Amino acid sequence: MAEDCLELLKNDEWRMEVAIRLFDYARKLLTLDHGWSPGRMLPGGIDPENIIFEVFNRIAAGKRKFNKRYSCEVQLKGMVASIISKLYELKDATLQTIHIPENDEQYGAVEKALGVGGTESAYEGVEYTERFFQVLEEHPKVKKDSDFVLVIMAYAEGAKGPKEAAEMTGIPVNRIYYNYNPSLISILAEVKAKMK
């Protein structure tokens, strides 16, 4: 049976079918056991499909062997469950605060490595934000309609869509959806271009 599993994995069609079933299995397991939902990253910053790739990589590298007593798919699902379990046990899967004073010369390098900043200071970040909104407010479409600024601020403060923006601003949902949302992308692109 172990040799049969390896032969099956060499068959592209079977491997693709089982990969899809394993992906569905991984998503269900993550949702039920760990409260995961689509769009959220897993510990370590990976996606569910990376778990399936890892299963196939371990088999190809000879790190995982097949048992003759169980079907291939059952064993592959066991590998998926094992990897998911280990993901949530990892110590580095939890966020930790790194305490480095902002005036430390390595601060910018650490921010850049973590993908959360760069060499700019907190003051420069605030300055950029203020300039961004100043340029935005000067845009002709925004200047023409004072409610536009309210809608933009609602999105900046976390509104996920027109309904939430409407609740935050008091502007009707249809007006936000049809009048403001279509223009937002082009306006923001123009503002970002002016910021360079």
N, C-alpha and C. Protein backbone atom coordinates (compact mmCIF):
# COMPACT_ATOMS: atom_id res chain seq x y z
N MET A 1 0.83 -1.20 0.00
CA MET A 1 0.00 0.00 0.00
C MET A 1 0.86 1.26 0.00
N ALA A 2 2.03 1.25 0.71
CA ALA A 2 2.90 2.42 0.75
C ALA A 2 3.40 2.75 -0.65
N GLU A 3 3.80 1.72 -1.40
CA GLU A 3 4.26 1.95 -2.77
C GLU A 3 3.10 2.46 -3.63
N ASP A 4 1.90 1.94 -3.38
CA ASP A 4 0.72 2.39 -4.12
C ASP A 4 0.48 3.88 -3.91
N CYS A 5 0.65 4.35 -2.68
CA CYS A 5 0.45 5.77 -2.38
C CYS A 5 1.44 6.64 -3.16
N LEU A 6 2.68 6.21 -3.18
CA LEU A 6 3.69 6.98 -3.92
C LEU A 6 3.37 7.00 -5.40
N GLU A 7 2.91 5.86 -5.92
CA GLU A 7 2.53 5.79 -7.34
C GLU A 7 1.34 6.71 -7.62
N LEU A 8 0.37 6.72 -6.69
CA LEU A 8 -0.79 7.59 -6.87
C LEU A 8 -0.37 9.06 -6.88
N LEU A 9 0.57 9.42 -6.00
CA LEU A 9 1.03 10.81 -5.93
C LEU A 9 1.78 11.24 -7.19
N LYS A 10 2.31 10.27 -7.91
CA LYS A 10 2.99 10.59 -9.17
C LYS A 10 1.99 10.90 -10.28
N ASN A 11 0.75 10.47 -10.09
CA ASN A 11 -0.31 10.72 -11.07
C ASN A 11 -0.84 12.15 -10.85
N ASP A 12 -0.59 13.02 -11.82
CA ASP A 12 -0.96 14.44 -11.68
C ASP A 12 -2.45 14.65 -11.39
N GLU A 13 -3.29 13.92 -12.10
CA GLU A 13 -4.74 14.08 -11.93
C GLU A 13 -5.17 13.71 -10.51
N TRP A 14 -4.70 12.56 -10.03
CA TRP A 14 -5.07 12.13 -8.67
C TRP A 14 -4.51 13.09 -7.64
N ARG A 15 -3.26 13.53 -7.83
CA ARG A 15 -2.62 14.43 -6.88
C ARG A 15 -3.39 15.75 -6.80
N MET A 16 -3.87 16.27 -7.94
CA MET A 16 -4.63 17.52 -7.92
C MET A 16 -5.97 17.34 -7.21
N GLU A 17 -6.63 16.22 -7.46
CA GLU A 17 -7.91 15.95 -6.80
C GLU A 17 -7.74 15.84 -5.30
N VAL A 18 -6.72 15.10 -4.88
CA VAL A 18 -6.51 14.92 -3.45
C VAL A 18 -6.04 16.22 -2.80
N ALA A 19 -5.29 17.03 -3.54
CA ALA A 19 -4.85 18.32 -3.00
C ALA A 19 -6.05 19.21 -2.70
N ILE A 20 -7.04 19.21 -3.59
CA ILE A 20 -8.26 20.01 -3.38
C ILE A 20 -9.02 19.49 -2.16
N ARG A 21 -9.13 18.16 -2.04
CA ARG A 21 -9.83 17.60 -0.87
C ARG A 21 -9.06 17.90 0.42
N LEU A 22 -7.73 17.85 0.37
CA LEU A 22 -6.93 18.16 1.55
C LEU A 22 -7.06 19.64 1.93
N PHE A 23 -7.12 20.49 0.92
CA PHE A 23 -7.29 21.93 1.16
C PHE A 23 -8.62 22.19 1.86
N ASP A 24 -9.69 21.56 1.37
CA ASP A 24 -11.00 21.70 2.02
C ASP A 24 -10.96 21.17 3.45
N TYR A 25 -10.29 20.03 3.62
CA TYR A 25 -10.17 19.43 4.95
C TYR A 25 -9.41 20.38 5.89
N ALA A 26 -8.31 20.95 5.40
CA ALA A 26 -7.52 21.87 6.23
C ALA A 26 -8.35 23.08 6.64
N ARG A 27 -9.09 23.65 5.70
CA ARG A 27 -9.93 24.82 6.00
C ARG A 27 -10.99 24.48 7.04
N LYS A 28 -11.64 23.31 6.90
CA LYS A 28 -12.66 22.90 7.87
C LYS A 28 -12.04 22.70 9.25
N LEU A 29 -10.89 22.04 9.28
CA LEU A 29 -10.21 21.77 10.55
C LEU A 29 -9.80 23.09 11.22
N LEU A 30 -9.26 23.99 10.46
CA LEU A 30 -8.85 25.29 11.00
C LEU A 30 -10.05 26.08 11.52
N THR A 31 -11.15 26.03 10.79
CA THR A 31 -12.35 26.76 11.19
C THR A 31 -12.95 26.18 12.46
N LEU A 32 -13.11 24.86 12.49
CA LEU A 32 -13.76 24.23 13.63
C LEU A 32 -12.88 24.20 14.88
N ASP A 33 -11.62 23.89 14.72
CA ASP A 33 -10.74 23.71 15.89
C ASP A 33 -10.05 24.98 16.36
N HIS A 34 -9.85 25.93 15.43
CA HIS A 34 -9.04 27.09 15.79
C HIS A 34 -9.72 28.43 15.51
N GLY A 35 -10.98 28.41 15.06
CA GLY A 35 -11.71 29.65 14.83
C GLY A 35 -11.18 30.49 13.67
N TRP A 36 -10.45 29.83 12.78
CA TRP A 36 -9.91 30.54 11.62
C TRP A 36 -11.02 30.88 10.65
N SER A 37 -10.86 31.99 9.91
CA SER A 37 -11.81 32.33 8.84
C SER A 37 -11.02 32.78 7.62
N PRO A 38 -11.59 32.59 6.41
CA PRO A 38 -10.88 32.98 5.19
C PRO A 38 -10.44 34.44 5.24
N GLY A 39 -9.24 34.68 4.75
CA GLY A 39 -8.70 36.03 4.76
C GLY A 39 -7.76 36.28 5.93
N ARG A 40 -7.85 35.46 6.97
CA ARG A 40 -6.96 35.61 8.12
C ARG A 40 -5.73 34.74 7.92
N MET A 41 -4.59 35.26 8.31
CA MET A 41 -3.35 34.50 8.23
C MET A 41 -3.29 33.52 9.40
N LEU A 42 -2.59 32.44 9.17
CA LEU A 42 -2.35 31.46 10.23
C LEU A 42 -1.09 31.85 10.99
N PRO A 43 -0.84 31.23 12.14
CA PRO A 43 0.41 31.51 12.84
C PRO A 43 1.60 31.30 11.91
N GLY A 44 2.55 32.18 12.02
CA GLY A 44 3.71 32.09 11.15
C GLY A 44 3.49 32.79 9.82
N GLY A 45 2.30 33.40 9.63
CA GLY A 45 2.01 34.16 8.43
C GLY A 45 1.79 33.33 7.17
N ILE A 46 1.27 32.12 7.34
CA ILE A 46 1.04 31.27 6.17
C ILE A 46 -0.45 31.16 5.86
N ASP A 47 -0.75 30.63 4.70
CA ASP A 47 -2.13 30.39 4.27
C ASP A 47 -2.39 28.88 4.29
N PRO A 48 -3.66 28.45 4.29
CA PRO A 48 -3.97 27.02 4.33
C PRO A 48 -3.34 26.22 3.19
N GLU A 49 -3.22 26.81 2.00
CA GLU A 49 -2.63 26.05 0.90
C GLU A 49 -1.17 25.72 1.16
N ASN A 50 -0.49 26.55 1.99
CA ASN A 50 0.90 26.26 2.33
C ASN A 50 1.02 24.96 3.13
N ILE A 51 -0.04 24.64 3.88
CA ILE A 51 -0.04 23.38 4.65
C ILE A 51 -0.03 22.20 3.68
N ILE A 52 -0.82 22.28 2.62
CA ILE A 52 -0.89 21.20 1.63
C ILE A 52 0.46 21.07 0.91
N PHE A 53 1.05 22.22 0.54
CA PHE A 53 2.37 22.18 -0.09
C PHE A 53 3.38 21.50 0.84
N GLU A 54 3.29 21.81 2.12
CA GLU A 54 4.23 21.23 3.09
C GLU A 54 4.06 19.72 3.18
N VAL A 55 2.82 19.24 3.13
CA VAL A 55 2.58 17.79 3.15
C VAL A 55 3.30 17.14 1.97
N PHE A 56 3.09 17.67 0.78
CA PHE A 56 3.72 17.10 -0.41
C PHE A 56 5.24 17.24 -0.36
N ASN A 57 5.74 18.35 0.17
CA ASN A 57 7.19 18.55 0.29
C ASN A 57 7.81 17.52 1.23
N ARG A 58 7.13 17.26 2.35
CA ARG A 58 7.66 16.28 3.30
C ARG A 58 7.70 14.87 2.70
N ILE A 59 6.69 14.53 1.93
CA ILE A 59 6.66 13.21 1.29
C ILE A 59 7.78 13.12 0.25
N ALA A 60 7.91 14.18 -0.56
CA ALA A 60 8.94 14.19 -1.61
C ALA A 60 10.34 14.13 -1.02
N ALA A 61 10.53 14.75 0.14
CA ALA A 61 11.85 14.76 0.79
C ALA A 61 12.10 13.48 1.58
N GLY A 62 11.10 12.62 1.67
CA GLY A 62 11.25 11.38 2.42
C GLY A 62 11.11 11.53 3.92
N LYS A 63 10.61 12.69 4.37
CA LYS A 63 10.44 12.93 5.81
C LYS A 63 9.22 12.21 6.37
N ARG A 64 8.24 11.94 5.52
CA ARG A 64 7.04 11.23 5.95
C ARG A 64 6.88 9.96 5.13
N LYS A 65 6.59 8.88 5.78
CA LYS A 65 6.41 7.58 5.12
C LYS A 65 4.94 7.17 5.22
N PHE A 66 4.54 6.28 4.34
CA PHE A 66 3.17 5.77 4.36
C PHE A 66 3.11 4.44 5.09
N ASN A 67 1.99 4.21 5.77
CA ASN A 67 1.74 2.96 6.48
C ASN A 67 0.83 2.09 5.62
N LYS A 68 1.16 0.84 5.50
CA LYS A 68 0.40 -0.06 4.62
C LYS A 68 -1.02 -0.32 5.12
N ARG A 69 -1.28 -0.08 6.41
CA ARG A 69 -2.59 -0.43 6.97
C ARG A 69 -3.68 0.60 6.66
N TYR A 70 -3.32 1.82 6.26
CA TYR A 70 -4.33 2.87 6.06
C TYR A 70 -4.31 3.38 4.62
N SER A 71 -5.46 3.92 4.21
CA SER A 71 -5.54 4.45 2.84
C SER A 71 -4.67 5.71 2.73
N CYS A 72 -4.29 6.03 1.51
CA CYS A 72 -3.43 7.20 1.27
C CYS A 72 -4.07 8.48 1.77
N GLU A 73 -5.34 8.66 1.42
CA GLU A 73 -6.00 9.91 1.77
C GLU A 73 -6.13 10.08 3.28
N VAL A 74 -6.40 9.00 3.99
CA VAL A 74 -6.49 9.07 5.45
C VAL A 74 -5.15 9.51 6.03
N GLN A 75 -4.07 8.96 5.50
CA GLN A 75 -2.74 9.32 5.99
C GLN A 75 -2.38 10.77 5.64
N LEU A 76 -2.76 11.20 4.45
CA LEU A 76 -2.50 12.58 4.06
C LEU A 76 -3.27 13.56 4.95
N LYS A 77 -4.52 13.21 5.27
CA LYS A 77 -5.31 14.06 6.17
C LYS A 77 -4.68 14.09 7.56
N GLY A 78 -4.14 12.96 7.98
CA GLY A 78 -3.44 12.92 9.26
C GLY A 78 -2.24 13.85 9.27
N MET A 79 -1.53 13.90 8.15
CA MET A 79 -0.38 14.80 8.03
C MET A 79 -0.83 16.26 8.10
N VAL A 80 -1.95 16.56 7.44
CA VAL A 80 -2.49 17.92 7.48
C VAL A 80 -2.84 18.29 8.93
N ALA A 81 -3.54 17.40 9.62
CA ALA A 81 -3.93 17.66 11.02
C ALA A 81 -2.70 17.84 11.90
N SER A 82 -1.68 17.05 11.66
CA SER A 82 -0.45 17.15 12.45
C SER A 82 0.23 18.49 12.25
N ILE A 83 0.33 18.93 11.01
CA ILE A 83 0.97 20.22 10.72
C ILE A 83 0.18 21.36 11.36
N ILE A 84 -1.14 21.31 11.24
CA ILE A 84 -1.98 22.36 11.84
C ILE A 84 -1.79 22.39 13.35
N SER A 85 -1.78 21.22 13.96
CA SER A 85 -1.58 21.14 15.41
C SER A 85 -0.25 21.76 15.81
N LYS A 86 0.80 21.44 15.08
CA LYS A 86 2.13 21.98 15.39
C LYS A 86 2.20 23.49 15.17
N LEU A 87 1.46 23.98 14.17
CA LEU A 87 1.44 25.42 13.91
C LEU A 87 0.98 26.19 15.14
N TYR A 88 -0.04 25.68 15.79
CA TYR A 88 -0.62 26.39 16.93
C TYR A 88 0.14 26.13 18.22
N GLU A 89 1.08 25.20 18.21
CA GLU A 89 1.90 24.94 19.39
C GLU A 89 3.18 25.76 19.38
N LEU A 90 3.56 26.28 18.22
CA LEU A 90 4.83 26.99 18.10
C LEU A 90 4.87 28.21 19.02
N LYS A 91 6.00 28.39 19.66
CA LYS A 91 6.17 29.55 20.54
C LYS A 91 6.23 30.84 19.73
N ASP A 92 6.86 30.77 18.55
CA ASP A 92 7.00 31.99 17.76
C ASP A 92 5.74 32.32 16.98
N ALA A 93 4.68 31.54 17.17
CA ALA A 93 3.42 31.82 16.49
C ALA A 93 2.64 32.91 17.22
N THR A 94 3.10 33.28 18.41
CA THR A 94 2.42 34.34 19.14
C THR A 94 3.21 35.64 18.99
N LEU A 95 2.51 36.74 19.02
CA LEU A 95 3.16 38.03 18.87
C LEU A 95 3.91 38.39 20.14
N GLN A 96 5.07 38.97 19.96
CA GLN A 96 5.85 39.43 21.09
C GLN A 96 6.26 40.86 20.82
N THR A 97 6.30 41.64 21.87
CA THR A 97 6.71 43.03 21.74
C THR A 97 8.23 43.10 21.79
N ILE A 98 8.78 43.84 20.87
CA ILE A 98 10.22 44.06 20.86
C ILE A 98 10.44 45.48 21.36
N HIS A 99 11.13 45.60 22.48
CA HIS A 99 11.34 46.91 23.08
C HIS A 99 12.66 47.49 22.61
N ILE A 100 12.57 48.44 21.69
CA ILE A 100 13.74 49.16 21.20
C ILE A 100 13.36 50.63 21.22
N PRO A 101 14.16 51.45 21.90
CA PRO A 101 13.85 52.88 21.91
C PRO A 101 13.87 53.46 20.50
N GLU A 102 12.97 54.39 20.22
CA GLU A 102 12.87 54.95 18.87
C GLU A 102 14.13 55.69 18.46
N ASN A 103 14.87 56.20 19.42
CA ASN A 103 16.09 56.92 19.06
C ASN A 103 17.29 55.99 18.86
N ASP A 104 17.10 54.68 19.05
CA ASP A 104 18.16 53.70 18.79
C ASP A 104 18.43 53.68 17.29
N GLU A 105 19.70 53.64 16.91
CA GLU A 105 20.06 53.70 15.49
C GLU A 105 19.57 52.48 14.71
N GLN A 106 19.25 51.38 15.38
CA GLN A 106 18.75 50.18 14.71
C GLN A 106 17.23 50.15 14.57
N TYR A 107 16.54 51.15 15.14
CA TYR A 107 15.08 51.17 15.16
C TYR A 107 14.48 51.08 13.76
N GLY A 108 14.97 51.91 12.84
CA GLY A 108 14.46 51.91 11.47
C GLY A 108 14.68 50.59 10.77
N ALA A 109 15.84 49.97 10.99
CA ALA A 109 16.15 48.68 10.36
C ALA A 109 15.22 47.58 10.87
N VAL A 110 14.92 47.61 12.18
CA VAL A 110 14.02 46.61 12.75
C VAL A 110 12.61 46.78 12.19
N GLU A 111 12.13 48.03 12.14
CA GLU A 111 10.80 48.29 11.56
C GLU A 111 10.74 47.80 10.12
N LYS A 112 11.78 48.09 9.36
CA LYS A 112 11.80 47.69 7.96
C LYS A 112 11.79 46.17 7.83
N ALA A 113 12.57 45.48 8.65
CA ALA A 113 12.63 44.01 8.62
C ALA A 113 11.29 43.40 8.98
N LEU A 114 10.57 44.03 9.90
CA LEU A 114 9.25 43.54 10.31
C LEU A 114 8.16 43.95 9.33
N GLY A 115 8.50 44.84 8.40
CA GLY A 115 7.52 45.29 7.41
C GLY A 115 6.51 46.25 7.99
N VAL A 116 6.88 46.95 9.07
CA VAL A 116 5.93 47.87 9.69
C VAL A 116 6.35 49.32 9.60
N GLY A 117 7.43 49.59 8.99
CA GLY A 117 7.85 50.98 8.93
C GLY A 117 9.03 51.12 8.00
N GLY A 118 9.95 51.86 8.44
CA GLY A 118 11.14 52.09 7.65
C GLY A 118 12.07 52.94 8.47
N THR A 119 12.67 53.89 7.83
CA THR A 119 13.61 54.74 8.55
C THR A 119 12.95 56.02 9.06
N GLU A 120 11.66 56.21 8.77
CA GLU A 120 11.00 57.44 9.21
C GLU A 120 10.64 57.36 10.69
N SER A 121 10.63 58.51 11.33
CA SER A 121 10.26 58.58 12.74
C SER A 121 8.74 58.65 12.85
N ALA A 122 8.24 58.58 14.08
CA ALA A 122 6.80 58.69 14.31
C ALA A 122 6.32 60.07 13.86
N TYR A 123 7.15 61.08 14.09
CA TYR A 123 6.79 62.44 13.67
C TYR A 123 6.63 62.51 12.16
N GLU A 124 7.55 61.90 11.41
CA GLU A 124 7.47 61.91 9.96
C GLU A 124 6.22 61.19 9.47
N GLY A 125 5.81 60.13 10.16
CA GLY A 125 4.58 59.41 9.82
C GLY A 125 3.36 60.29 9.99
N VAL A 126 3.31 61.05 11.09
CA VAL A 126 2.20 61.97 11.35
C VAL A 126 2.21 63.09 10.31
N GLU A 127 3.40 63.58 10.01
CA GLU A 127 3.54 64.64 9.01
C GLU A 127 3.02 64.17 7.64
N TYR A 128 3.36 62.94 7.27
CA TYR A 128 2.90 62.37 5.99
C TYR A 128 1.38 62.27 5.97
N THR A 129 0.81 61.79 7.07
CA THR A 129 -0.65 61.63 7.15
C THR A 129 -1.35 62.98 7.02
N GLU A 130 -0.82 63.99 7.71
CA GLU A 130 -1.42 65.32 7.62
C GLU A 130 -1.34 65.85 6.19
N ARG A 131 -0.20 65.67 5.55
CA ARG A 131 -0.02 66.12 4.16
C ARG A 131 -0.97 65.37 3.24
N PHE A 132 -1.11 64.05 3.47
CA PHE A 132 -2.00 63.22 2.65
C PHE A 132 -3.42 63.78 2.69
N PHE A 133 -3.93 64.05 3.89
CA PHE A 133 -5.30 64.57 4.01
C PHE A 133 -5.42 66.00 3.48
N GLN A 134 -4.35 66.78 3.57
CA GLN A 134 -4.37 68.12 3.01
C GLN A 134 -4.50 68.05 1.49
N VAL A 135 -3.71 67.19 0.85
CA VAL A 135 -3.77 67.03 -0.61
C VAL A 135 -5.13 66.46 -1.00
N LEU A 136 -5.65 65.53 -0.20
CA LEU A 136 -6.95 64.93 -0.48
C LEU A 136 -8.06 65.98 -0.44
N GLU A 137 -8.04 66.82 0.58
CA GLU A 137 -9.07 67.86 0.72
C GLU A 137 -9.01 68.90 -0.40
N GLU A 138 -7.83 69.04 -1.01
CA GLU A 138 -7.67 70.00 -2.12
C GLU A 138 -8.10 69.43 -3.46
N HIS A 139 -8.41 68.15 -3.51
CA HIS A 139 -8.83 67.53 -4.77
C HIS A 139 -10.15 68.17 -5.21
N PRO A 140 -10.30 68.49 -6.51
CA PRO A 140 -11.52 69.18 -6.99
C PRO A 140 -12.83 68.47 -6.64
N LYS A 141 -12.88 67.15 -6.78
CA LYS A 141 -14.12 66.42 -6.47
C LYS A 141 -14.46 66.49 -4.99
N VAL A 142 -13.43 66.44 -4.16
CA VAL A 142 -13.64 66.49 -2.71
C VAL A 142 -14.02 67.91 -2.29
N LYS A 143 -13.38 68.89 -2.88
CA LYS A 143 -13.69 70.29 -2.58
C LYS A 143 -15.13 70.64 -2.92
N LYS A 144 -15.62 70.06 -4.02
CA LYS A 144 -16.96 70.36 -4.51
C LYS A 144 -18.04 69.82 -3.58
N ASP A 145 -17.77 68.75 -2.83
CA ASP A 145 -18.79 68.11 -2.01
C ASP A 145 -18.22 67.83 -0.62
N SER A 146 -18.67 68.59 0.38
CA SER A 146 -18.12 68.47 1.74
C SER A 146 -18.42 67.09 2.37
N ASP A 147 -19.46 66.42 1.92
CA ASP A 147 -19.76 65.09 2.46
C ASP A 147 -18.71 64.05 2.04
N PHE A 148 -18.02 64.33 0.94
CA PHE A 148 -17.00 63.41 0.45
C PHE A 148 -15.92 63.21 1.53
N VAL A 149 -15.51 64.30 2.19
CA VAL A 149 -14.50 64.22 3.24
C VAL A 149 -15.01 63.34 4.38
N LEU A 150 -16.28 63.47 4.72
CA LEU A 150 -16.86 62.65 5.79
C LEU A 150 -16.79 61.16 5.44
N VAL A 151 -17.10 60.84 4.19
CA VAL A 151 -17.06 59.45 3.74
C VAL A 151 -15.63 58.93 3.79
N ILE A 152 -14.69 59.72 3.31
CA ILE A 152 -13.28 59.31 3.33
C ILE A 152 -12.81 59.11 4.77
N MET A 153 -13.17 59.99 5.66
CA MET A 153 -12.77 59.86 7.07
C MET A 153 -13.40 58.62 7.70
N ALA A 154 -14.63 58.30 7.32
CA ALA A 154 -15.28 57.09 7.85
C ALA A 154 -14.48 55.86 7.44
N TYR A 155 -14.05 55.82 6.17
CA TYR A 155 -13.22 54.69 5.72
C TYR A 155 -11.87 54.68 6.43
N ALA A 156 -11.29 55.86 6.62
CA ALA A 156 -10.00 55.97 7.30
C ALA A 156 -10.10 55.50 8.75
N GLU A 157 -11.27 55.69 9.35
CA GLU A 157 -11.48 55.28 10.74
C GLU A 157 -11.96 53.85 10.87
N GLY A 158 -12.02 53.11 9.74
CA GLY A 158 -12.28 51.68 9.84
C GLY A 158 -13.57 51.17 9.23
N ALA A 159 -14.36 52.01 8.59
CA ALA A 159 -15.58 51.51 7.95
C ALA A 159 -15.19 50.50 6.87
N LYS A 160 -15.84 49.34 6.87
CA LYS A 160 -15.50 48.27 5.94
C LYS A 160 -16.25 48.36 4.62
N GLY A 161 -17.31 49.13 4.59
CA GLY A 161 -18.11 49.24 3.37
C GLY A 161 -19.09 50.39 3.47
N PRO A 162 -19.91 50.56 2.44
CA PRO A 162 -20.86 51.68 2.41
C PRO A 162 -21.82 51.70 3.61
N LYS A 163 -22.26 50.53 4.04
CA LYS A 163 -23.21 50.48 5.16
C LYS A 163 -22.60 51.07 6.43
N GLU A 164 -21.37 50.63 6.75
CA GLU A 164 -20.71 51.16 7.94
C GLU A 164 -20.39 52.64 7.78
N ALA A 165 -19.97 53.04 6.57
CA ALA A 165 -19.68 54.46 6.33
C ALA A 165 -20.95 55.29 6.51
N ALA A 166 -22.08 54.75 6.07
CA ALA A 166 -23.36 55.45 6.23
C ALA A 166 -23.72 55.60 7.71
N GLU A 167 -23.50 54.54 8.48
CA GLU A 167 -23.80 54.61 9.91
C GLU A 167 -22.92 55.64 10.61
N MET A 168 -21.66 55.74 10.18
CA MET A 168 -20.72 56.65 10.82
C MET A 168 -20.96 58.11 10.42
N THR A 169 -21.46 58.32 9.20
CA THR A 169 -21.60 59.69 8.69
C THR A 169 -23.03 60.22 8.67
N GLY A 170 -24.00 59.31 8.66
CA GLY A 170 -25.39 59.74 8.53
C GLY A 170 -25.81 59.98 7.09
N ILE A 171 -24.91 59.70 6.16
CA ILE A 171 -25.20 59.86 4.73
C ILE A 171 -25.85 58.56 4.24
N PRO A 172 -26.90 58.63 3.42
CA PRO A 172 -27.57 57.42 2.95
C PRO A 172 -26.61 56.44 2.23
N VAL A 173 -26.82 55.15 2.46
CA VAL A 173 -25.98 54.10 1.89
C VAL A 173 -25.91 54.19 0.37
N ASN A 174 -27.06 54.35 -0.27
CA ASN A 174 -27.08 54.42 -1.74
C ASN A 174 -26.24 55.57 -2.27
N ARG A 175 -26.27 56.70 -1.58
CA ARG A 175 -25.48 57.85 -2.02
C ARG A 175 -23.99 57.54 -1.91
N ILE A 176 -23.59 56.89 -0.83
CA ILE A 176 -22.17 56.52 -0.66
C ILE A 176 -21.78 55.51 -1.73
N TYR A 177 -22.63 54.50 -1.92
CA TYR A 177 -22.32 53.42 -2.86
C TYR A 177 -22.23 53.91 -4.30
N TYR A 178 -23.19 54.75 -4.71
CA TYR A 178 -23.25 55.17 -6.12
C TYR A 178 -22.50 56.47 -6.41
N ASN A 179 -22.45 57.40 -5.45
CA ASN A 179 -21.84 58.70 -5.71
C ASN A 179 -20.35 58.77 -5.32
N TYR A 180 -20.01 58.14 -4.19
CA TYR A 180 -18.65 58.33 -3.67
C TYR A 180 -17.71 57.15 -3.95
N ASN A 181 -18.16 55.93 -3.70
CA ASN A 181 -17.28 54.77 -3.86
C ASN A 181 -16.64 54.66 -5.24
N PRO A 182 -17.38 54.87 -6.33
CA PRO A 182 -16.74 54.73 -7.65
C PRO A 182 -15.58 55.70 -7.87
N SER A 183 -15.63 56.86 -7.24
CA SER A 183 -14.58 57.87 -7.43
C SER A 183 -13.39 57.69 -6.50
N LEU A 184 -13.59 56.98 -5.41
CA LEU A 184 -12.54 56.90 -4.38
C LEU A 184 -11.22 56.36 -4.91
N ILE A 185 -11.24 55.29 -5.67
CA ILE A 185 -10.00 54.66 -6.12
C ILE A 185 -9.19 55.62 -6.99
N SER A 186 -9.85 56.27 -7.93
CA SER A 186 -9.12 57.19 -8.82
C SER A 186 -8.61 58.41 -8.04
N ILE A 187 -9.41 58.91 -7.11
CA ILE A 187 -8.98 60.07 -6.31
C ILE A 187 -7.77 59.70 -5.46
N LEU A 188 -7.82 58.55 -4.80
CA LEU A 188 -6.70 58.13 -3.96
C LEU A 188 -5.43 57.90 -4.78
N ALA A 189 -5.58 57.38 -5.99
CA ALA A 189 -4.42 57.18 -6.87
C ALA A 189 -3.80 58.53 -7.23
N GLU A 190 -4.64 59.53 -7.51
CA GLU A 190 -4.15 60.86 -7.86
C GLU A 190 -3.44 61.49 -6.65
N VAL A 191 -4.00 61.32 -5.48
CA VAL A 191 -3.41 61.90 -4.27
C VAL A 191 -2.06 61.23 -3.98
N LYS A 192 -2.00 59.91 -4.08
CA LYS A 192 -0.73 59.21 -3.85
C LYS A 192 0.33 59.65 -4.84
N ALA A 193 -0.06 59.89 -6.09
CA ALA A 193 0.88 60.34 -7.10
C ALA A 193 1.45 61.73 -6.73
N LYS A 194 0.62 62.59 -6.16
CA LYS A 194 1.06 63.92 -5.77
C LYS A 194 1.97 63.86 -4.53
N MET A 195 1.85 62.80 -3.75
CA MET A 195 2.62 62.66 -2.52
C MET A 195 4.07 62.27 -2.80
N LYS A 196 4.36 61.77 -3.99
CA LYS A 196 5.72 61.30 -4.28
C LYS A 196 6.67 62.43 -4.52
